[in-house]
Amino acid sequence: MRLRPIDLAREHGLSTQAVRNYEEAGFLPPAERSPSGYRVYAPRHAAALRTFLALIPAYGHAAAGAIMRAVNGGEVEEALRLIDAGHARLAEDRSTLEAVEAALRDLEPPSKPDPEPNPESEPEPGVTFIGPLADRLGIRPATLRAWERAGLIVPLRDPRTGYRLYTSADVRDVLLAHQLRRGGHGLERIARVLEQVRTAGGPEPLRATLREWRDRLTARGLAMLAGAAALDAYLTT
């Protein structure tokens, strides 16, 4: 069965130029040529186009194209490596989401802070020092200082004593950072999450963002299933 570029394009609402571009990029196998030089496609080209378009929602345009180039070049192992990398990224994103959700569940309004031993240096209500906060989390004050150097939390300083003063927002961020670190996430990723919390205006607005994030991850996972089915059908043909 001989197909023209327009036949492939119409099925997906594409332009014939897009089909030709996909072929030149290696997303489709090379087309045969008619005696007059026109491209002639076959059902396998149509299957390749369907597969490429099915892979895009799952892995993105660049990765989908790389997968198709590998398959069309006979490098199935490379295609599988790229697919594995996509699944690993999805698993990492899901792990981060679950860690943030767990951290938000564990957030509690800060209780009245414990005073420092020096009675002349008691913090204002709603503010705590590094020692009581570290004790609350079961970590060393040095860990909190390391997080400060990494830019995760930058507490205020008491102008008289120079002691670090953690506000209720700082405590919230420290609790989130602590949960994410326990989940094995690096400081750079934690810093991005904390920035999202601050931009959202706190954990409550962030919960709606997290629901949308979970929906996107679910859609990506389902797209991977659809893409895998299309790729399996293409490899079979």
C-alpha atoms as a PDB file:
ATOM      1  CA  MET A   1       0.000   0.000   0.000  1.00  0.00           C
ATOM      2  CA  ARG A   2       1.480   3.323  -1.104  1.00  0.00           C
ATOM      3  CA  LEU A   3       0.840   6.465   0.901  1.00  0.00           C
ATOM      4  CA  ARG A   4       1.538  10.108   0.131  1.00  0.00           C
ATOM      5  CA  PRO A   5       2.752  12.696   2.680  1.00  0.00           C
ATOM      6  CA  ILE A   6      -0.742  14.179   2.689  1.00  0.00           C
ATOM      7  CA  ASP A   7      -2.191  10.801   3.682  1.00  0.00           C
ATOM      8  CA  LEU A   8      -0.011  10.692   6.813  1.00  0.00           C
ATOM      9  CA  ALA A   9      -0.549  14.365   7.563  1.00  0.00           C
ATOM     10  CA  ARG A  10      -4.348  14.286   7.399  1.00  0.00           C
ATOM     11  CA  GLU A  11      -4.657  11.522   9.975  1.00  0.00           C
ATOM     12  CA  HIS A  12      -3.100  13.733  12.639  1.00  0.00           C
ATOM     13  CA  GLY A  13      -3.981  17.225  11.446  1.00  0.00           C
ATOM     14  CA  LEU A  14      -0.385  17.936  10.447  1.00  0.00           C
ATOM     15  CA  SER A  15       1.082  19.711   7.480  1.00  0.00           C
ATOM     16  CA  THR A  16       2.865  17.735   4.801  1.00  0.00           C
ATOM     17  CA  GLN A  17       5.972  19.772   5.614  1.00  0.00           C
ATOM     18  CA  ALA A  18       5.820  18.507   9.197  1.00  0.00           C
ATOM     19  CA  VAL A  19       5.750  14.915   7.925  1.00  0.00           C
ATOM     20  CA  ARG A  20       8.746  15.607   5.700  1.00  0.00           C
ATOM     21  CA  ASN A  21      10.568  17.269   8.604  1.00  0.00           C
ATOM     22  CA  TYR A  22       9.917  14.252  10.838  1.00  0.00           C
ATOM     23  CA  GLU A  23      11.333  11.959   8.182  1.00  0.00           C
ATOM     24  CA  GLU A  24      14.439  14.113   7.737  1.00  0.00           C
ATOM     25  CA  ALA A  25      14.925  14.140  11.519  1.00  0.00           C
ATOM     26  CA  GLY A  26      14.862  10.339  11.589  1.00  0.00           C
ATOM     27  CA  PHE A  27      11.546  10.036  13.433  1.00  0.00           C
ATOM     28  CA  LEU A  28      10.223   8.100  10.422  1.00  0.00           C
ATOM     29  CA  PRO A  29      12.123   5.603   8.287  1.00  0.00           C
ATOM     30  CA  PRO A  30      13.437   6.984   5.010  1.00  0.00           C
ATOM     31  CA  ALA A  31      10.726   7.157   2.367  1.00  0.00           C
ATOM     32  CA  GLU A  32      11.031   5.558  -1.020  1.00  0.00           C
ATOM     33  CA  ARG A  33      10.958   7.797  -4.059  1.00  0.00           C
ATOM     34  CA  SER A  34       8.774   7.595  -7.127  1.00  0.00           C
ATOM     35  CA  PRO A  35      10.391   7.809 -10.598  1.00  0.00           C
ATOM     36  CA  SER A  36       9.525  11.515 -10.549  1.00  0.00           C
ATOM     37  CA  GLY A  37      11.202  12.006  -7.167  1.00  0.00           C
ATOM     38  CA  TYR A  38       8.116  12.252  -4.945  1.00  0.00           C
ATOM     39  CA  ARG A  39       8.134  10.635  -1.506  1.00  0.00           C
ATOM     40  CA  VAL A  40       6.254   7.361  -1.244  1.00  0.00           C
ATOM     41  CA  TYR A  41       5.308   6.100   2.203  1.00  0.00           C
ATOM     42  CA  ALA A  42       4.044   2.728   3.389  1.00  0.00           C
ATOM     43  CA  PRO A  43       1.949   1.595   6.390  1.00  0.00           C
ATOM     44  CA  ARG A  44       5.128   1.293   8.492  1.00  0.00           C
ATOM     45  CA  HIS A  45       5.702   5.041   8.045  1.00  0.00           C
ATOM     46  CA  ALA A  46       2.174   5.708   9.247  1.00  0.00           C
ATOM     47  CA  ALA A  47       2.828   3.433  12.235  1.00  0.00           C
ATOM     48  CA  ALA A  48       6.086   5.273  12.957  1.00  0.00           C
ATOM     49  CA  LEU A  49       4.309   8.628  12.930  1.00  0.00           C
ATOM     50  CA  ARG A  50       1.588   7.349  15.249  1.00  0.00           C
ATOM     51  CA  THR A  51       4.254   5.993  17.593  1.00  0.00           C
ATOM     52  CA  PHE A  52       6.241   9.234  17.641  1.00  0.00           C
ATOM     53  CA  LEU A  53       3.149  11.297  18.390  1.00  0.00           C
ATOM     54  CA  ALA A  54       2.123   8.839  21.140  1.00  0.00           C
ATOM     55  CA  LEU A  55       5.551   9.106  22.758  1.00  0.00           C
ATOM     56  CA  ILE A  56       5.586  12.915  22.948  1.00  0.00           C
ATOM     57  CA  PRO A  57       3.109  13.278  25.876  1.00  0.00           C
ATOM     58  CA  ALA A  58       5.055  10.647  27.790  1.00  0.00           C
ATOM     59  CA  TYR A  59       8.669  11.676  27.211  1.00  0.00           C
ATOM     60  CA  GLY A  60       8.622  15.072  25.532  1.00  0.00           C
ATOM     61  CA  HIS A  61       9.364  15.978  21.929  1.00  0.00           C
ATOM     62  CA  ALA A  62      13.158  15.667  22.109  1.00  0.00           C
ATOM     63  CA  ALA A  63      13.210  12.315  23.919  1.00  0.00           C
ATOM     64  CA  ALA A  64      10.427  10.919  21.719  1.00  0.00           C
ATOM     65  CA  GLY A  65      12.434  11.860  18.657  1.00  0.00           C
ATOM     66  CA  ALA A  66      15.593  10.282  20.088  1.00  0.00           C
ATOM     67  CA  ILE A  67      13.679   7.062  20.816  1.00  0.00           C
ATOM     68  CA  MET A  68      12.355   6.902  17.260  1.00  0.00           C
ATOM     69  CA  ARG A  69      15.764   7.631  15.745  1.00  0.00           C
ATOM     70  CA  ALA A  70      17.239   4.800  17.792  1.00  0.00           C
ATOM     71  CA  VAL A  71      14.489   2.363  16.777  1.00  0.00           C
ATOM     72  CA  ASN A  72      14.652   3.313  13.103  1.00  0.00           C
ATOM     73  CA  GLY A  73      18.429   2.976  13.232  1.00  0.00           C
ATOM     74  CA  GLY A  74      18.191  -0.544  14.627  1.00  0.00           C
ATOM     75  CA  GLU A  75      19.470   0.531  18.078  1.00  0.00           C
ATOM     76  CA  VAL A  76      16.679  -0.915  20.181  1.00  0.00           C
ATOM     77  CA  GLU A  77      18.840  -1.070  23.314  1.00  0.00           C
ATOM     78  CA  GLU A  78      19.460   2.674  23.098  1.00  0.00           C
ATOM     79  CA  ALA A  79      15.729   3.264  22.704  1.00  0.00           C
ATOM     80  CA  LEU A  80      15.067   1.187  25.804  1.00  0.00           C
ATOM     81  CA  ARG A  81      17.724   3.119  27.723  1.00  0.00           C
ATOM     82  CA  LEU A  82      15.984   6.378  26.856  1.00  0.00           C
ATOM     83  CA  ILE A  83      12.657   4.920  27.943  1.00  0.00           C
ATOM     84  CA  ASP A  84      14.191   3.743  31.225  1.00  0.00           C
ATOM     85  CA  ALA A  85      15.531   7.255  31.822  1.00  0.00           C
ATOM     86  CA  GLY A  86      12.049   8.687  31.308  1.00  0.00           C
ATOM     87  CA  HIS A  87      10.539   6.261  33.802  1.00  0.00           C
ATOM     88  CA  ALA A  88      13.307   7.061  36.287  1.00  0.00           C
ATOM     89  CA  ARG A  89      12.545  10.780  36.006  1.00  0.00           C
ATOM     90  CA  LEU A  90       8.855  10.107  36.555  1.00  0.00           C
ATOM     91  CA  ALA A  91       9.638   7.997  39.627  1.00  0.00           C
ATOM     92  CA  GLU A  92      11.910  10.751  40.989  1.00  0.00           C
ATOM     93  CA  ASP A  93       9.237  13.397  40.410  1.00  0.00           C
ATOM     94  CA  ARG A  94       6.639  11.218  42.103  1.00  0.00           C
ATOM     95  CA  SER A  95       8.963  10.617  45.050  1.00  0.00           C
ATOM     96  CA  THR A  96       9.532  14.359  45.418  1.00  0.00           C
ATOM     97  CA  LEU A  97       5.797  15.036  45.287  1.00  0.00           C
ATOM     98  CA  GLU A  98       5.076  12.415  47.927  1.00  0.00           C
ATOM     99  CA  ALA A  99       7.840  13.798  50.151  1.00  0.00           C
ATOM    100  CA  VAL A 100       6.411  17.310  49.900  1.00  0.00           C
ATOM    101  CA  GLU A 101       2.894  16.040  50.599  1.00  0.00           C
ATOM    102  CA  ALA A 102       4.170  14.142  53.634  1.00  0.00           C
ATOM    103  CA  ALA A 103       6.030  17.206  54.836  1.00  0.00           C
ATOM    104  CA  LEU A 104       2.907  19.340  54.535  1.00  0.00           C
ATOM    105  CA  ARG A 105       0.897  16.790  56.506  1.00  0.00           C
ATOM    106  CA  ASP A 106       3.490  16.889  59.250  1.00  0.00           C
ATOM    107  CA  LEU A 107       3.500  20.648  59.511  1.00  0.00           C
ATOM    108  CA  GLU A 108       2.074  21.866  62.783  1.00  0.00           C
ATOM    109  CA  PRO A 109       1.590  25.390  64.042  1.00  0.00           C
ATOM    110  CA  PRO A 110       4.745  26.099  66.028  1.00  0.00           C
ATOM    111  CA  SER A 111       4.197  25.830  69.731  1.00  0.00           C
ATOM    112  CA  LYS A 112       5.363  28.485  72.118  1.00  0.00           C
ATOM    113  CA  PRO A 113       9.140  28.384  71.772  1.00  0.00           C
ATOM    114  CA  ASP A 114      11.367  27.173  74.517  1.00  0.00           C
ATOM    115  CA  PRO A 115      13.592  29.959  75.834  1.00  0.00           C
ATOM    116  CA  GLU A 116      17.330  29.886  75.507  1.00  0.00           C
ATOM    117  CA  PRO A 117      19.176  29.423  78.773  1.00  0.00           C
ATOM    118  CA  ASN A 118      19.976  33.156  78.841  1.00  0.00           C
ATOM    119  CA  PRO A 119      16.791  34.819  80.173  1.00  0.00           C
ATOM    120  CA  GLU A 120      17.873  38.176  78.811  1.00  0.00           C
ATOM    121  CA  SER A 121      17.776  36.797  75.281  1.00  0.00           C
ATOM    122  CA  GLU A 122      14.272  35.319  75.117  1.00  0.00           C
ATOM    123  CA  PRO A 123      12.833  35.580  71.589  1.00  0.00           C
ATOM    124  CA  GLU A 124       9.611  37.307  70.758  1.00  0.00           C
ATOM    125  CA  PRO A 125       6.445  35.144  70.693  1.00  0.00           C
ATOM    126  CA  GLY A 126       6.342  33.007  67.551  1.00  0.00           C
ATOM    127  CA  VAL A 127      10.131  33.029  67.238  1.00  0.00           C
ATOM    128  CA  THR A 128      12.532  30.304  68.327  1.00  0.00           C
ATOM    129  CA  PHE A 129      16.265  29.810  68.587  1.00  0.00           C
ATOM    130  CA  ILE A 130      18.427  27.279  66.788  1.00  0.00           C
ATOM    131  CA  GLY A 131      18.885  24.981  69.805  1.00  0.00           C
ATOM    132  CA  PRO A 132      15.207  24.277  70.560  1.00  0.00           C
ATOM    133  CA  LEU A 133      14.441  23.935  66.847  1.00  0.00           C
ATOM    134  CA  ALA A 134      17.253  21.422  66.328  1.00  0.00           C
ATOM    135  CA  ASP A 135      16.091  19.481  69.401  1.00  0.00           C
ATOM    136  CA  ARG A 136      12.547  19.387  68.031  1.00  0.00           C
ATOM    137  CA  LEU A 137      13.783  17.747  64.811  1.00  0.00           C
ATOM    138  CA  GLY A 138      16.384  15.522  66.451  1.00  0.00           C
ATOM    139  CA  ILE A 139      19.221  17.033  64.432  1.00  0.00           C
ATOM    140  CA  ARG A 140      22.318  19.030  65.302  1.00  0.00           C
ATOM    141  CA  PRO A 141      22.379  22.824  65.170  1.00  0.00           C
ATOM    142  CA  ALA A 142      25.284  22.436  62.736  1.00  0.00           C
ATOM    143  CA  THR A 143      22.834  20.915  60.244  1.00  0.00           C
ATOM    144  CA  LEU A 144      20.638  23.992  60.410  1.00  0.00           C
ATOM    145  CA  ARG A 145      23.686  26.188  59.919  1.00  0.00           C
ATOM    146  CA  ALA A 146      24.648  24.103  56.856  1.00  0.00           C
ATOM    147  CA  TRP A 147      21.155  24.582  55.435  1.00  0.00           C
ATOM    148  CA  GLU A 148      21.545  28.292  56.012  1.00  0.00           C
ATOM    149  CA  ARG A 149      24.846  28.338  54.109  1.00  0.00           C
ATOM    150  CA  ALA A 150      23.081  26.492  51.267  1.00  0.00           C
ATOM    151  CA  GLY A 151      20.431  29.210  51.188  1.00  0.00           C
ATOM    152  CA  LEU A 152      17.510  27.024  52.267  1.00  0.00           C
ATOM    153  CA  ILE A 153      16.581  29.066  55.328  1.00  0.00           C
ATOM    154  CA  VAL A 154      18.038  32.440  56.257  1.00  0.00           C
ATOM    155  CA  PRO A 155      16.892  33.310  59.786  1.00  0.00           C
ATOM    156  CA  LEU A 156      16.955  36.771  61.216  1.00  0.00           C
ATOM    157  CA  ARG A 157      19.598  37.772  63.750  1.00  0.00           C
ATOM    158  CA  ASP A 158      18.976  39.260  67.149  1.00  0.00           C
ATOM    159  CA  PRO A 159      20.559  42.722  66.878  1.00  0.00           C
ATOM    160  CA  ARG A 160      21.762  42.553  70.483  1.00  0.00           C
ATOM    161  CA  THR A 161      23.164  39.037  70.683  1.00  0.00           C
ATOM    162  CA  GLY A 162      23.545  37.920  67.081  1.00  0.00           C
ATOM    163  CA  TYR A 163      21.562  34.752  67.830  1.00  0.00           C
ATOM    164  CA  ARG A 164      19.623  33.234  64.968  1.00  0.00           C
ATOM    165  CA  LEU A 165      15.863  33.870  65.202  1.00  0.00           C
ATOM    166  CA  TYR A 166      13.540  31.463  63.410  1.00  0.00           C
ATOM    167  CA  THR A 167      10.067  32.830  62.665  1.00  0.00           C
ATOM    168  CA  SER A 168       7.015  30.617  62.186  1.00  0.00           C
ATOM    169  CA  ALA A 169       7.601  30.737  58.396  1.00  0.00           C
ATOM    170  CA  ASP A 170      11.242  29.703  58.952  1.00  0.00           C
ATOM    171  CA  VAL A 171      10.104  26.802  61.143  1.00  0.00           C
ATOM    172  CA  ARG A 172       7.687  25.703  58.425  1.00  0.00           C
ATOM    173  CA  ASP A 173      10.502  25.741  55.851  1.00  0.00           C
ATOM    174  CA  VAL A 174      12.846  23.888  58.199  1.00  0.00           C
ATOM    175  CA  LEU A 175      10.225  21.167  58.732  1.00  0.00           C
ATOM    176  CA  LEU A 176       9.740  20.817  54.978  1.00  0.00           C
ATOM    177  CA  ALA A 177      13.494  20.693  54.408  1.00  0.00           C
ATOM    178  CA  HIS A 178      13.865  18.075  57.141  1.00  0.00           C
ATOM    179  CA  GLN A 179      11.212  15.824  55.607  1.00  0.00           C
ATOM    180  CA  LEU A 180      12.686  16.167  52.134  1.00  0.00           C
ATOM    181  CA  ARG A 181      16.179  15.394  53.373  1.00  0.00           C
ATOM    182  CA  ARG A 182      14.851  12.290  55.071  1.00  0.00           C
ATOM    183  CA  GLY A 183      13.411  11.351  51.679  1.00  0.00           C
ATOM    184  CA  GLY A 184      16.900  11.518  50.195  1.00  0.00           C
ATOM    185  CA  HIS A 185      16.513  14.750  48.241  1.00  0.00           C
ATOM    186  CA  GLY A 186      19.437  17.068  47.610  1.00  0.00           C
ATOM    187  CA  LEU A 187      19.735  20.611  48.878  1.00  0.00           C
ATOM    188  CA  GLU A 188      19.289  22.174  45.433  1.00  0.00           C
ATOM    189  CA  ARG A 189      15.974  20.380  44.860  1.00  0.00           C
ATOM    190  CA  ILE A 190      14.827  21.272  48.386  1.00  0.00           C
ATOM    191  CA  ALA A 191      15.668  24.922  47.747  1.00  0.00           C
ATOM    192  CA  ARG A 192      13.426  24.882  44.655  1.00  0.00           C
ATOM    193  CA  VAL A 193      10.559  23.333  46.613  1.00  0.00           C
ATOM    194  CA  LEU A 194      10.885  25.890  49.403  1.00  0.00           C
ATOM    195  CA  GLU A 195      10.842  28.678  46.838  1.00  0.00           C
ATOM    196  CA  GLN A 196       7.584  27.238  45.459  1.00  0.00           C
ATOM    197  CA  VAL A 197       6.106  27.278  48.959  1.00  0.00           C
ATOM    198  CA  ARG A 198       7.122  30.896  49.492  1.00  0.00           C
ATOM    199  CA  THR A 199       5.873  31.944  46.059  1.00  0.00           C
ATOM    200  CA  ALA A 200       2.548  30.216  46.669  1.00  0.00           C
ATOM    201  CA  GLY A 201       2.173  32.110  49.943  1.00  0.00           C
ATOM    202  CA  GLY A 202       2.456  29.112  52.243  1.00  0.00           C
ATOM    203  CA  PRO A 203       1.491  25.449  52.348  1.00  0.00           C
ATOM    204  CA  GLU A 204      -2.252  25.901  51.891  1.00  0.00           C
ATOM    205  CA  PRO A 205      -2.090  27.478  48.409  1.00  0.00           C
ATOM    206  CA  LEU A 206       0.648  24.976  47.554  1.00  0.00           C
ATOM    207  CA  ARG A 207      -1.728  22.062  48.144  1.00  0.00           C
ATOM    208  CA  ALA A 208      -3.738  23.021  45.063  1.00  0.00           C
ATOM    209  CA  THR A 209      -0.494  23.162  43.092  1.00  0.00           C
ATOM    210  CA  LEU A 210       0.434  19.711  44.389  1.00  0.00           C
ATOM    211  CA  ARG A 211      -2.914  18.308  43.263  1.00  0.00           C
ATOM    212  CA  GLU A 212      -2.283  19.692  39.792  1.00  0.00           C
ATOM    213  CA  TRP A 213       1.250  18.265  39.932  1.00  0.00           C
ATOM    214  CA  ARG A 214      -0.104  14.817  40.843  1.00  0.00           C
ATOM    215  CA  ASP A 215      -2.618  15.010  37.992  1.00  0.00           C
ATOM    216  CA  ARG A 216       0.202  15.805  35.567  1.00  0.00           C
ATOM    217  CA  LEU A 217       2.279  12.878  36.838  1.00  0.00           C
ATOM    218  CA  THR A 218      -0.713  10.548  36.471  1.00  0.00           C
ATOM    219  CA  ALA A 219      -1.302  11.787  32.930  1.00  0.00           C
ATOM    220  CA  ARG A 220       2.383  11.268  32.139  1.00  0.00           C
ATOM    221  CA  GLY A 221       2.303   7.730  33.514  1.00  0.00           C
ATOM    222  CA  LEU A 222      -0.764   6.863  31.451  1.00  0.00           C
ATOM    223  CA  ALA A 223       0.854   8.429  28.399  1.00  0.00           C
ATOM    224  CA  MET A 224       3.856   6.164  28.931  1.00  0.00           C
ATOM    225  CA  LEU A 225       1.555   3.149  28.827  1.00  0.00           C
ATOM    226  CA  ALA A 226      -0.027   4.373  25.603  1.00  0.00           C
ATOM    227  CA  GLY A 227       3.381   5.174  24.141  1.00  0.00           C
ATOM    228  CA  ALA A 228       4.711   1.743  25.085  1.00  0.00           C
ATOM    229  CA  ALA A 229       1.734   0.065  23.391  1.00  0.00           C
ATOM    230  CA  ALA A 230       2.284   2.101  20.221  1.00  0.00           C
ATOM    231  CA  LEU A 231       6.009   1.365  20.244  1.00  0.00           C
ATOM    232  CA  ASP A 232       5.393  -2.340  20.772  1.00  0.00           C
ATOM    233  CA  ALA A 233       3.013  -2.374  17.804  1.00  0.00           C
ATOM    234  CA  TYR A 234       5.563  -0.514  15.691  1.00  0.00           C
ATOM    235  CA  LEU A 235       8.396  -2.872  16.607  1.00  0.00           C
ATOM    236  CA  THR A 236       6.146  -5.817  15.788  1.00  0.00           C
ATOM    237  CA  THR A 237       5.404  -4.447  12.339  1.00  0.00           C
END
